[in-house]
Amino acid sequence: MSTIIVAAIVFAAVAYVVYRQFFSGASGCDDCSNVGCPLIDQTQVSKILNK
């Protein structure tokens, strides 16, 4: 019985990751324009700050 429960949890976790990655439309930091984003381009930050 515990194997079925563990398998269900693993399957749900994988499904959640696939959904967030491909189907939810969350862009992550691709169009990020704030400094709090860890993947923001430094030239983009300097352009924003120099305006």
PDB file of N, CA and C in Angstrom:
ATOM      1  N   MET A   1       0.821  -1.200   0.000  1.00  0.00           N
ATOM      2  CA  MET A   1       0.000   0.000   0.000  1.00  0.00           C
ATOM      3  C   MET A   1       0.866   1.266   0.000  1.00  0.00           C
ATOM      4  N   SER A   2       1.947   1.222   0.770  1.00  0.00           N
ATOM      5  CA  SER A   2       2.810   2.403   0.831  1.00  0.00           C
ATOM      6  C   SER A   2       3.483   2.679  -0.516  1.00  0.00           C
ATOM      7  N   THR A   3       3.727   1.632  -1.298  1.00  0.00           N
ATOM      8  CA  THR A   3       4.322   1.819  -2.615  1.00  0.00           C
ATOM      9  C   THR A   3       3.387   2.606  -3.522  1.00  0.00           C
ATOM     10  N   ILE A   4       2.105   2.324  -3.435  1.00  0.00           N
ATOM     11  CA  ILE A   4       1.117   3.050  -4.242  1.00  0.00           C
ATOM     12  C   ILE A   4       1.052   4.510  -3.825  1.00  0.00           C
ATOM     13  N   ILE A   5       1.127   4.767  -2.527  1.00  0.00           N
ATOM     14  CA  ILE A   5       1.082   6.149  -2.032  1.00  0.00           C
ATOM     15  C   ILE A   5       2.317   6.917  -2.486  1.00  0.00           C
ATOM     16  N   VAL A   6       3.489   6.306  -2.364  1.00  0.00           N
ATOM     17  CA  VAL A   6       4.734   6.958  -2.800  1.00  0.00           C
ATOM     18  C   VAL A   6       4.713   7.196  -4.304  1.00  0.00           C
ATOM     19  N   ALA A   7       4.231   6.221  -5.060  1.00  0.00           N
ATOM     20  CA  ALA A   7       4.153   6.384  -6.511  1.00  0.00           C
ATOM     21  C   ALA A   7       3.198   7.511  -6.883  1.00  0.00           C
ATOM     22  N   ALA A   8       2.089   7.636  -6.168  1.00  0.00           N
ATOM     23  CA  ALA A   8       1.136   8.713  -6.441  1.00  0.00           C
ATOM     24  C   ALA A   8       1.750  10.071  -6.137  1.00  0.00           C
ATOM     25  N   ILE A   9       2.501  10.166  -5.056  1.00  0.00           N
ATOM     26  CA  ILE A   9       3.150  11.431  -4.698  1.00  0.00           C
ATOM     27  C   ILE A   9       4.201  11.805  -5.738  1.00  0.00           C
ATOM     28  N   VAL A  10       5.006  10.835  -6.167  1.00  0.00           N
ATOM     29  CA  VAL A  10       6.040  11.104  -7.177  1.00  0.00           C
ATOM     30  C   VAL A  10       5.389  11.505  -8.499  1.00  0.00           C
ATOM     31  N   PHE A  11       4.345  10.802  -8.902  1.00  0.00           N
ATOM     32  CA  PHE A  11       3.646  11.128 -10.145  1.00  0.00           C
ATOM     33  C   PHE A  11       3.045  12.528 -10.076  1.00  0.00           C
ATOM     34  N   ALA A  12       2.450  12.884  -8.937  1.00  0.00           N
ATOM     35  CA  ALA A  12       1.870  14.217  -8.779  1.00  0.00           C
ATOM     36  C   ALA A  12       2.949  15.294  -8.839  1.00  0.00           C
ATOM     37  N   ALA A  13       4.102  15.034  -8.238  1.00  0.00           N
ATOM     38  CA  ALA A  13       5.191  16.012  -8.264  1.00  0.00           C
ATOM     39  C   ALA A  13       5.718  16.213  -9.683  1.00  0.00           C
ATOM     40  N   VAL A  14       5.877  15.126 -10.428  1.00  0.00           N
ATOM     41  CA  VAL A  14       6.351  15.231 -11.804  1.00  0.00           C
ATOM     42  C   VAL A  14       5.325  15.954 -12.667  1.00  0.00           C
ATOM     43  N   ALA A  15       4.054  15.630 -12.475  1.00  0.00           N
ATOM     44  CA  ALA A  15       3.001  16.302 -13.238  1.00  0.00           C
ATOM     45  C   ALA A  15       2.966  17.788 -12.932  1.00  0.00           C
ATOM     46  N   TYR A  16       3.163  18.160 -11.678  1.00  0.00           N
ATOM     47  CA  TYR A  16       3.173  19.568 -11.295  1.00  0.00           C
ATOM     48  C   TYR A  16       4.336  20.310 -11.952  1.00  0.00           C
ATOM     49  N   VAL A  17       5.508  19.702 -11.948  1.00  0.00           N
ATOM     50  CA  VAL A  17       6.679  20.342 -12.550  1.00  0.00           C
ATOM     51  C   VAL A  17       6.478  20.504 -14.051  1.00  0.00           C
ATOM     52  N   VAL A  18       5.962  19.476 -14.712  1.00  0.00           N
ATOM     53  CA  VAL A  18       5.722  19.561 -16.152  1.00  0.00           C
ATOM     54  C   VAL A  18       4.688  20.639 -16.447  1.00  0.00           C
ATOM     55  N   TYR A  19       3.637  20.699 -15.643  1.00  0.00           N
ATOM     56  CA  TYR A  19       2.615  21.723 -15.845  1.00  0.00           C
ATOM     57  C   TYR A  19       3.197  23.124 -15.672  1.00  0.00           C
ATOM     58  N   ARG A  20       3.960  23.345 -14.606  1.00  0.00           N
ATOM     59  CA  ARG A  20       4.541  24.674 -14.360  1.00  0.00           C
ATOM     60  C   ARG A  20       5.532  25.048 -15.448  1.00  0.00           C
ATOM     61  N   GLN A  21       6.283  24.079 -15.942  1.00  0.00           N
ATOM     62  CA  GLN A  21       7.328  24.361 -16.921  1.00  0.00           C
ATOM     63  C   GLN A  21       6.763  24.641 -18.309  1.00  0.00           C
ATOM     64  N   PHE A  22       5.750  23.903 -18.721  1.00  0.00           N
ATOM     65  CA  PHE A  22       5.320  23.961 -20.109  1.00  0.00           C
ATOM     66  C   PHE A  22       3.923  24.522 -20.338  1.00  0.00           C
ATOM     67  N   PHE A  23       3.017  24.386 -19.383  1.00  0.00           N
ATOM     68  CA  PHE A  23       1.629  24.708 -19.659  1.00  0.00           C
ATOM     69  C   PHE A  23       1.071  25.905 -18.899  1.00  0.00           C
ATOM     70  N   SER A  24       1.699  26.328 -17.831  1.00  0.00           N
ATOM     71  CA  SER A  24       1.105  27.386 -17.019  1.00  0.00           C
ATOM     72  C   SER A  24       1.336  28.776 -17.598  1.00  0.00           C
ATOM     73  N   GLY A  25       2.248  28.923 -18.518  1.00  0.00           N
ATOM     74  CA  GLY A  25       2.522  30.226 -19.102  1.00  0.00           C
ATOM     75  C   GLY A  25       3.408  31.093 -18.226  1.00  0.00           C
ATOM     76  N   ALA A  26       3.902  30.543 -17.149  1.00  0.00           N
ATOM     77  CA  ALA A  26       4.816  31.290 -16.292  1.00  0.00           C
ATOM     78  C   ALA A  26       6.134  31.456 -17.032  1.00  0.00           C
ATOM     79  N   SER A  27       6.548  32.678 -17.196  1.00  0.00           N
ATOM     80  CA  SER A  27       7.742  32.923 -17.984  1.00  0.00           C
ATOM     81  C   SER A  27       9.006  32.941 -17.151  1.00  0.00           C
ATOM     82  N   GLY A  28       8.886  32.857 -15.853  1.00  0.00           N
ATOM     83  CA  GLY A  28      10.073  32.894 -15.020  1.00  0.00           C
ATOM     84  C   GLY A  28      10.733  34.252 -15.109  1.00  0.00           C
ATOM     85  N   CYS A  29      11.990  34.290 -15.444  1.00  0.00           N
ATOM     86  CA  CYS A  29      12.727  35.548 -15.529  1.00  0.00           C
ATOM     87  C   CYS A  29      12.990  35.957 -16.972  1.00  0.00           C
ATOM     88  N   ASP A  30      12.304  35.360 -17.926  1.00  0.00           N
ATOM     89  CA  ASP A  30      12.560  35.694 -19.325  1.00  0.00           C
ATOM     90  C   ASP A  30      12.259  37.153 -19.627  1.00  0.00           C
ATOM     91  N   ASP A  31      11.172  37.684 -19.080  1.00  0.00           N
ATOM     92  CA  ASP A  31      10.817  39.079 -19.336  1.00  0.00           C
ATOM     93  C   ASP A  31      10.906  39.899 -18.058  1.00  0.00           C
ATOM     94  N   CYS A  32      11.792  39.517 -17.187  1.00  0.00           N
ATOM     95  CA  CYS A  32      11.924  40.165 -15.884  1.00  0.00           C
ATOM     96  C   CYS A  32      12.616  41.518 -16.050  1.00  0.00           C
ATOM     97  N   SER A  33      12.086  42.511 -15.384  1.00  0.00           N
ATOM     98  CA  SER A  33      12.722  43.821 -15.482  1.00  0.00           C
ATOM     99  C   SER A  33      13.030  44.396 -14.108  1.00  0.00           C
ATOM    100  N   ASN A  34      12.925  43.608 -13.082  1.00  0.00           N
ATOM    101  CA  ASN A  34      13.261  44.119 -11.751  1.00  0.00           C
ATOM    102  C   ASN A  34      14.590  43.537 -11.298  1.00  0.00           C
ATOM    103  N   VAL A  35      15.219  44.194 -10.390  1.00  0.00           N
ATOM    104  CA  VAL A  35      16.548  43.798  -9.939  1.00  0.00           C
ATOM    105  C   VAL A  35      16.492  42.539  -9.087  1.00  0.00           C
ATOM    106  N   GLY A  36      15.339  42.196  -8.548  1.00  0.00           N
ATOM    107  CA  GLY A  36      15.211  41.025  -7.708  1.00  0.00           C
ATOM    108  C   GLY A  36      15.306  39.707  -8.446  1.00  0.00           C
ATOM    109  N   CYS A  37      15.242  39.747  -9.748  1.00  0.00           N
ATOM    110  CA  CYS A  37      15.312  38.516 -10.532  1.00  0.00           C
ATOM    111  C   CYS A  37      16.767  38.069 -10.635  1.00  0.00           C
ATOM    112  N   PRO A  38      17.064  36.802 -10.314  1.00  0.00           N
ATOM    113  CA  PRO A  38      18.464  36.368 -10.332  1.00  0.00           C
ATOM    114  C   PRO A  38      19.052  36.216 -11.730  1.00  0.00           C
ATOM    115  N   LEU A  39      18.220  36.158 -12.756  1.00  0.00           N
ATOM    116  CA  LEU A  39      18.734  35.931 -14.100  1.00  0.00           C
ATOM    117  C   LEU A  39      18.696  37.167 -14.984  1.00  0.00           C
ATOM    118  N   ILE A  40      18.493  38.342 -14.402  1.00  0.00           N
ATOM    119  CA  ILE A  40      18.366  39.551 -15.205  1.00  0.00           C
ATOM    120  C   ILE A  40      19.730  39.942 -15.776  1.00  0.00           C
ATOM    121  N   ASP A  41      19.695  40.442 -16.962  1.00  0.00           N
ATOM    122  CA  ASP A  41      20.914  40.862 -17.645  1.00  0.00           C
ATOM    123  C   ASP A  41      21.396  42.179 -17.045  1.00  0.00           C
ATOM    124  N   GLN A  42      22.674  42.285 -16.778  1.00  0.00           N
ATOM    125  CA  GLN A  42      23.225  43.483 -16.142  1.00  0.00           C
ATOM    126  C   GLN A  42      23.113  44.710 -17.043  1.00  0.00           C
ATOM    127  N   THR A  43      23.197  44.547 -18.357  1.00  0.00           N
ATOM    128  CA  THR A  43      23.035  45.695 -19.243  1.00  0.00           C
ATOM    129  C   THR A  43      21.599  46.217 -19.192  1.00  0.00           C
ATOM    130  N   GLN A  44      20.644  45.314 -18.995  1.00  0.00           N
ATOM    131  CA  GLN A  44      19.258  45.726 -18.864  1.00  0.00           C
ATOM    132  C   GLN A  44      19.063  46.545 -17.592  1.00  0.00           C
ATOM    133  N   VAL A  45      19.730  46.145 -16.513  1.00  0.00           N
ATOM    134  CA  VAL A  45      19.640  46.887 -15.253  1.00  0.00           C
ATOM    135  C   VAL A  45      20.233  48.282 -15.425  1.00  0.00           C
ATOM    136  N   SER A  46      21.376  48.382 -16.086  1.00  0.00           N
ATOM    137  CA  SER A  46      22.001  49.692 -16.242  1.00  0.00           C
ATOM    138  C   SER A  46      21.163  50.593 -17.142  1.00  0.00           C
ATOM    139  N   LYS A  47      20.491  50.038 -18.146  1.00  0.00           N
ATOM    140  CA  LYS A  47      19.600  50.840 -18.980  1.00  0.00           C
ATOM    141  C   LYS A  47      18.431  51.366 -18.187  1.00  0.00           C
ATOM    142  N   ILE A  48      17.872  50.547 -17.306  1.00  0.00           N
ATOM    143  CA  ILE A  48      16.734  50.958 -16.481  1.00  0.00           C
ATOM    144  C   ILE A  48      17.151  52.050 -15.506  1.00  0.00           C
ATOM    145  N   LEU A  49      18.323  51.879 -14.896  1.00  0.00           N
ATOM    146  CA  LEU A  49      18.779  52.837 -13.888  1.00  0.00           C
ATOM    147  C   LEU A  49      19.227  54.161 -14.487  1.00  0.00           C
ATOM    148  N   ASN A  50      19.676  54.158 -15.738  1.00  0.00           N
ATOM    149  CA  ASN A  50      20.176  55.371 -16.368  1.00  0.00           C
ATOM    150  C   ASN A  50      19.095  56.204 -17.027  1.00  0.00           C
ATOM    151  N   LYS A  51      17.854  55.743 -17.005  1.00  0.00           N
ATOM    152  CA  LYS A  51      16.776  56.513 -17.628  1.00  0.00           C
ATOM    153  C   LYS A  51      16.402  57.710 -16.798  1.00  0.00           C
TER     154      LYS A  51
END
